[in-house]
N, C-alpha and C. Protein backbone atom coordinates (compact mmCIF):
# COMPACT_ATOMS: atom_id res chain seq x y z
N MET A 1 0.94 -1.41 0.06
CA MET A 1 0.06 -0.04 -0.03
C MET A 1 0.75 1.12 -0.19
N SER A 2 0.91 2.11 -0.93
CA SER A 2 1.74 3.16 -1.33
C SER A 2 0.91 4.51 -0.49
N VAL A 3 1.28 5.44 0.33
CA VAL A 3 0.37 6.30 0.81
C VAL A 3 1.35 7.55 0.38
N VAL A 4 0.11 8.88 0.21
CA VAL A 4 0.23 10.00 -0.25
C VAL A 4 -0.33 11.35 0.60
N ILE A 5 -0.06 12.22 0.58
CA ILE A 5 -0.16 13.37 1.51
C ILE A 5 -0.45 14.58 0.09
N ARG A 6 -1.84 14.53 -0.39
CA ARG A 6 -2.43 15.15 -1.07
C ARG A 6 -3.02 16.18 -1.07
N LEU A 7 -4.04 16.83 -2.48
CA LEU A 7 -5.01 17.98 -1.89
C LEU A 7 -6.06 17.12 -2.25
N THR A 8 -7.12 17.34 -1.69
CA THR A 8 -8.79 17.08 -2.34
C THR A 8 -9.72 18.79 -2.29
N ARG A 9 -10.26 18.46 -3.51
CA ARG A 9 -11.29 20.20 -4.02
C ARG A 9 -11.92 19.70 -2.90
N GLN A 10 -12.65 20.63 -2.13
CA GLN A 10 -14.18 20.74 -1.66
C GLN A 10 -14.64 22.23 -2.04
N GLY A 11 -15.70 22.45 -1.74
CA GLY A 11 -16.52 23.67 -1.73
C GLY A 11 -17.35 23.75 -3.04
N ARG A 12 -18.28 24.89 -3.57
CA ARG A 12 -18.99 25.19 -4.09
C ARG A 12 -18.75 25.39 -5.59
N HIS A 13 -19.46 25.67 -6.43
CA HIS A 13 -19.16 26.18 -7.76
C HIS A 13 -18.34 27.14 -7.82
N LYS A 14 -16.86 27.47 -8.26
CA LYS A 14 -16.43 28.40 -8.24
C LYS A 14 -15.70 28.85 -7.06
N ARG A 15 -16.23 28.17 -6.18
CA ARG A 15 -15.46 28.95 -4.50
C ARG A 15 -15.19 27.81 -3.47
N PRO A 16 -13.65 27.30 -4.28
CA PRO A 16 -13.48 26.06 -3.64
C PRO A 16 -12.33 26.11 -2.56
N PHE A 17 -12.08 25.56 -1.70
CA PHE A 17 -10.73 25.59 -1.00
C PHE A 17 -10.54 23.75 -0.95
N TYR A 18 -9.34 23.57 -0.35
CA TYR A 18 -8.63 22.09 -0.73
C TYR A 18 -8.25 21.72 0.85
N ARG A 19 -8.41 20.43 1.22
CA ARG A 19 -8.26 19.65 2.42
C ARG A 19 -7.17 18.98 2.05
N ILE A 20 -6.22 18.77 2.94
CA ILE A 20 -4.98 17.77 3.05
C ILE A 20 -4.99 16.77 3.15
N VAL A 21 -5.02 15.87 2.92
CA VAL A 21 -5.45 14.19 3.20
C VAL A 21 -4.17 13.58 3.11
N VAL A 22 -4.30 12.48 3.77
CA VAL A 22 -3.57 11.41 3.81
C VAL A 22 -4.46 10.56 2.82
N ALA A 23 -3.92 9.49 1.74
CA ALA A 23 -4.61 8.70 1.33
C ALA A 23 -3.67 7.34 -0.08
N GLU A 24 -4.58 6.76 0.17
CA GLU A 24 -3.68 5.97 -0.75
C GLU A 24 -3.68 6.04 -2.05
N LYS A 25 -2.31 5.67 -2.27
CA LYS A 25 -2.34 6.16 -4.01
C LYS A 25 -3.60 6.08 -4.91
N THR A 26 -4.15 4.40 -5.04
CA THR A 26 -4.86 4.49 -6.16
C THR A 26 -6.16 5.31 -5.85
N MET A 27 -6.46 5.79 -4.99
CA MET A 27 -7.58 6.19 -4.87
C MET A 27 -8.04 7.56 -5.66
N PRO A 28 -9.10 7.58 -6.03
CA PRO A 28 -9.67 9.20 -6.83
C PRO A 28 -9.41 10.11 -5.79
N ARG A 29 -8.76 11.45 -6.62
CA ARG A 29 -8.78 12.53 -5.68
C ARG A 29 -9.11 13.11 -4.64
N ASP A 30 -10.67 13.07 -4.90
CA ASP A 30 -11.93 13.53 -4.17
C ASP A 30 -12.27 12.09 -3.73
N GLY A 31 -12.20 10.77 -3.39
CA GLY A 31 -12.52 9.93 -3.32
C GLY A 31 -11.94 9.56 -1.54
N ARG A 32 -11.84 8.13 -1.01
CA ARG A 32 -11.66 7.95 0.25
C ARG A 32 -10.29 8.03 0.49
N PHE A 33 -9.96 8.43 2.00
CA PHE A 33 -8.87 9.31 2.56
C PHE A 33 -8.84 8.23 4.07
N LEU A 34 -7.21 8.62 3.81
CA LEU A 34 -6.84 7.50 5.48
C LEU A 34 -7.54 8.92 6.95
N GLU A 35 -6.55 10.22 6.64
CA GLU A 35 -6.87 10.61 7.48
C GLU A 35 -7.13 12.12 7.18
N LEU A 36 -7.45 13.36 7.91
CA LEU A 36 -7.81 14.78 7.60
C LEU A 36 -6.35 15.54 8.19
N VAL A 37 -5.44 15.99 7.62
CA VAL A 37 -4.37 16.50 8.11
C VAL A 37 -4.16 18.43 8.26
N GLY A 38 -5.02 18.48 7.42
CA GLY A 38 -5.35 20.29 7.35
C GLY A 38 -5.97 20.29 5.91
N PHE A 39 -6.05 21.60 5.73
CA PHE A 39 -6.70 22.37 5.03
C PHE A 39 -6.34 24.05 4.40
N ILE A 40 -6.67 24.45 3.07
CA ILE A 40 -6.30 25.34 2.34
C ILE A 40 -7.02 25.85 1.54
N ASN A 41 -7.47 27.68 1.95
CA ASN A 41 -7.96 28.25 1.38
C ASN A 41 -7.68 29.95 0.80
N ASN A 42 -7.64 29.19 -0.43
CA ASN A 42 -6.63 30.54 -1.65
C ASN A 42 -7.67 30.92 -1.83
N LEU A 43 -8.86 31.53 -1.70
CA LEU A 43 -9.97 32.38 -1.76
C LEU A 43 -9.43 33.56 -1.03
N LYS A 44 -9.04 33.16 0.39
CA LYS A 44 -8.60 34.64 1.13
C LYS A 44 -7.57 35.50 1.15
N PRO A 45 -7.48 36.57 1.29
CA PRO A 45 -6.15 37.08 0.48
C PRO A 45 -4.83 36.72 1.35
N GLU A 46 -5.18 36.32 2.58
CA GLU A 46 -3.82 35.58 2.93
C GLU A 46 -3.60 34.34 2.66
N HIS A 47 -4.35 33.75 2.12
CA HIS A 47 -4.28 32.42 2.11
C HIS A 47 -4.20 31.30 3.35
N GLU A 48 -5.36 31.72 3.87
CA GLU A 48 -5.73 30.59 4.54
C GLU A 48 -5.22 29.11 5.38
N VAL A 49 -4.09 28.78 5.76
CA VAL A 49 -3.45 27.29 5.81
C VAL A 49 -3.75 27.12 7.36
N LYS A 50 -4.01 25.97 7.39
CA LYS A 50 -4.12 24.93 8.65
C LYS A 50 -3.27 23.33 8.45
N LEU A 51 -2.75 23.49 8.69
CA LEU A 51 -1.91 22.14 9.04
C LEU A 51 -1.60 21.45 10.40
N ASN A 52 -2.42 20.46 10.48
CA ASN A 52 -1.57 19.67 11.93
C ASN A 52 -0.11 18.60 11.57
N GLU A 53 1.20 19.71 12.02
CA GLU A 53 2.04 19.20 11.84
C GLU A 53 2.64 17.97 12.25
N GLU A 54 1.62 17.63 13.67
CA GLU A 54 2.36 16.74 14.23
C GLU A 54 1.86 15.55 13.42
N ARG A 55 0.62 15.28 13.12
CA ARG A 55 0.23 14.16 12.53
C ARG A 55 1.29 13.90 10.46
N VAL A 56 1.23 15.63 10.36
CA VAL A 56 2.26 15.28 9.00
C VAL A 56 3.11 14.36 9.50
N LYS A 57 4.05 15.01 10.36
CA LYS A 57 5.52 14.71 10.48
C LYS A 57 5.55 12.74 10.74
N TYR A 58 3.93 12.13 11.46
CA TYR A 58 3.93 11.07 11.77
C TYR A 58 4.21 10.39 10.49
N TRP A 59 2.76 10.59 9.45
CA TRP A 59 2.80 9.78 8.53
C TRP A 59 4.30 10.08 7.42
N ILE A 60 4.73 11.37 7.43
CA ILE A 60 6.24 11.19 6.69
C ILE A 60 6.60 10.47 7.18
N GLY A 61 6.82 10.15 8.55
CA GLY A 61 7.55 9.41 9.02
C GLY A 61 7.79 7.85 8.85
N VAL A 62 6.34 7.38 8.56
CA VAL A 62 6.01 6.01 8.62
C VAL A 62 5.91 5.65 6.78
N GLY A 63 6.63 7.02 6.10
CA GLY A 63 6.84 6.66 4.71
C GLY A 63 6.12 7.03 3.61
N ALA A 64 4.93 7.90 3.91
CA ALA A 64 4.03 8.57 2.80
C ALA A 64 4.96 9.63 2.17
N LYS A 65 4.48 9.67 1.14
CA LYS A 65 5.19 11.24 0.54
C LYS A 65 3.91 12.04 0.20
N PRO A 66 4.57 12.97 0.30
CA PRO A 66 3.49 14.51 -0.13
C PRO A 66 3.63 14.83 -1.68
N SER A 67 2.93 15.68 -2.40
CA SER A 67 2.67 15.55 -3.44
C SER A 67 3.66 17.23 -3.58
N ASP A 68 3.86 17.60 -4.58
CA ASP A 68 4.67 18.73 -5.10
C ASP A 68 4.20 19.55 -4.29
N THR A 69 2.71 20.17 -4.44
CA THR A 69 1.85 21.14 -3.78
C THR A 69 2.23 21.39 -2.55
N VAL A 70 1.72 19.61 -1.76
CA VAL A 70 1.68 20.10 -0.36
C VAL A 70 3.10 20.03 0.40
N ALA A 71 4.33 19.29 -0.42
CA ALA A 71 5.50 19.80 -0.04
C ALA A 71 5.76 20.88 -0.33
N SER A 72 5.39 21.72 -0.81
CA SER A 72 5.84 23.21 -0.40
C SER A 72 4.78 24.19 0.38
N ILE A 73 3.66 23.25 0.94
CA ILE A 73 3.12 24.13 2.01
C ILE A 73 3.55 23.57 2.66
N ILE A 74 4.13 22.35 3.10
CA ILE A 74 4.64 21.91 4.49
C ILE A 74 5.87 22.41 4.75
N ASP A 75 6.73 22.87 3.60
CA ASP A 75 8.15 23.43 3.54
C ASP A 75 7.91 24.73 4.26
N ASN A 76 6.52 25.66 3.49
CA ASN A 76 6.82 27.10 4.28
C ASN A 76 5.87 27.00 5.60
N LYS A 77 4.85 26.08 6.40
CA LYS A 77 4.78 25.38 7.55
C LYS A 77 5.29 25.31 8.61
N ILE A 78 6.40 24.47 8.13
CA ILE A 78 7.68 23.68 9.00
C ILE A 78 8.99 24.01 7.95
N PRO A 79 9.23 24.85 8.46
CA PRO A 79 10.73 25.21 7.37
C PRO A 79 11.42 24.05 7.98
N GLY A 80 12.44 24.06 6.68
CA GLY A 80 13.68 22.93 6.81
C GLY A 80 13.10 21.38 7.25
N PHE A 81 11.68 21.10 7.38
CA PHE A 81 11.78 19.47 7.78
C PHE A 81 11.95 18.85 6.54
N LEU A 82 11.47 19.40 5.36
CA LEU A 82 11.71 18.39 4.40
C LEU A 82 13.17 18.02 4.10
N ALA A 83 13.89 19.13 4.01
CA ALA A 83 15.32 19.27 3.94
C ALA A 83 15.90 18.41 5.04
N ASP A 84 15.79 18.60 6.32
CA ASP A 84 16.09 17.60 7.12
C ASP A 84 16.35 16.17 6.68
N LEU A 85 15.10 15.70 6.35
CA LEU A 85 14.11 14.62 6.47
C LEU A 85 15.70 14.20 5.18
N GLU A 86 15.62 15.02 4.08
CA GLU A 86 16.24 14.45 2.72
C GLU A 86 17.81 14.16 3.21
N ASN A 87 18.32 15.18 3.83
CA ASN A 87 19.89 15.08 4.31
C ASN A 87 20.20 13.97 5.49
N THR A 88 19.42 13.76 6.01
CA THR A 88 19.59 12.31 6.79
C THR A 88 19.18 11.20 6.02
N ARG A 89 18.61 11.00 4.96
CA ARG A 89 18.59 9.85 3.68
C ARG A 89 19.71 9.67 3.53
N LEU A 90 20.19 10.85 2.91
CA LEU A 90 21.59 11.03 2.24
C LEU A 90 22.74 10.53 2.72
N ALA A 91 22.44 11.05 4.25
CA ALA A 91 23.59 10.77 5.42
C ALA A 91 23.75 9.17 5.34
N LYS A 92 22.48 8.49 5.69
CA LYS A 92 22.47 7.24 5.94
C LYS A 92 22.95 6.21 4.37
N ILE A 93 22.78 7.08 3.66
CA ILE A 93 23.14 5.99 2.11
C ILE A 93 24.37 6.48 2.20
N ARG A 94 25.42 7.40 2.32
CA ARG A 94 26.60 7.33 1.94
C ARG A 94 27.25 6.70 2.80
N SER A 95 26.86 6.75 4.24
CA SER A 95 27.92 6.10 5.30
C SER A 95 27.40 4.24 5.00
N LYS A 96 26.48 4.04 4.32
CA LYS A 96 26.34 2.53 3.98
C LYS A 96 27.51 2.30 2.82
N ARG A 97 27.12 3.01 2.08
CA ARG A 97 28.27 3.27 0.94
C ARG A 97 29.65 3.01 0.92
N SER A 98 30.36 3.77 2.08
CA SER A 98 31.86 4.18 2.46
C SER A 98 32.08 2.42 3.21
N ALA A 99 30.90 2.04 4.02
CA ALA A 99 31.09 1.04 4.61
C ALA A 99 31.22 -0.20 3.86
N ARG A 100 30.47 -0.50 2.60
CA ARG A 100 30.74 -1.14 1.32
C ARG A 100 32.17 -1.03 0.91
N LYS A 101 32.81 0.03 0.56
CA LYS A 101 33.75 0.48 0.07
C LYS A 101 34.67 -0.13 1.05
N ALA A 102 35.01 0.19 2.32
CA ALA A 102 35.98 -0.17 3.10
C ALA A 102 35.85 -1.64 3.14
N ARG A 103 34.62 -2.73 2.94
CA ARG A 103 34.33 -4.13 2.77
C ARG A 103 35.29 -4.79 1.76
N ARG A 104 35.10 -4.34 0.80
CA ARG A 104 35.51 -4.47 -0.57
C ARG A 104 37.45 -4.00 -0.25
N ALA A 105 37.41 -3.22 0.41
CA ALA A 105 38.97 -2.89 -0.26
C ALA A 105 39.68 -3.98 0.65
N ASN A 106 39.04 -4.42 2.43
CA ASN A 106 39.71 -5.17 3.07
C ASN A 106 39.24 -6.85 2.36
N ALA A 107 38.70 -7.00 1.47
CA ALA A 107 38.40 -8.23 1.11
C ALA A 107 39.46 -8.50 0.10
């Protein structure tokens, strides 16, 4: 089961607002979702955004992938969070690579 964090459209004709939801990748855009973690209303001048940061961190921690739009929203609301995750992932890969090279050099 592949899980994504994405937007789903709500509202009425020409008055949309969007919910930020955690859903399975195979579900339709406005279909069933696992959890509602926030919303964004672009019609207000200040672009009202509410995000449950704790739940977003949890879902990303267990492997959910945010869409590009949601990633930019998360980056605005939780500065540096996604960059730190990427840096730790790359550091882990580099350490495994160097350990593998050291084993090959000793063999």
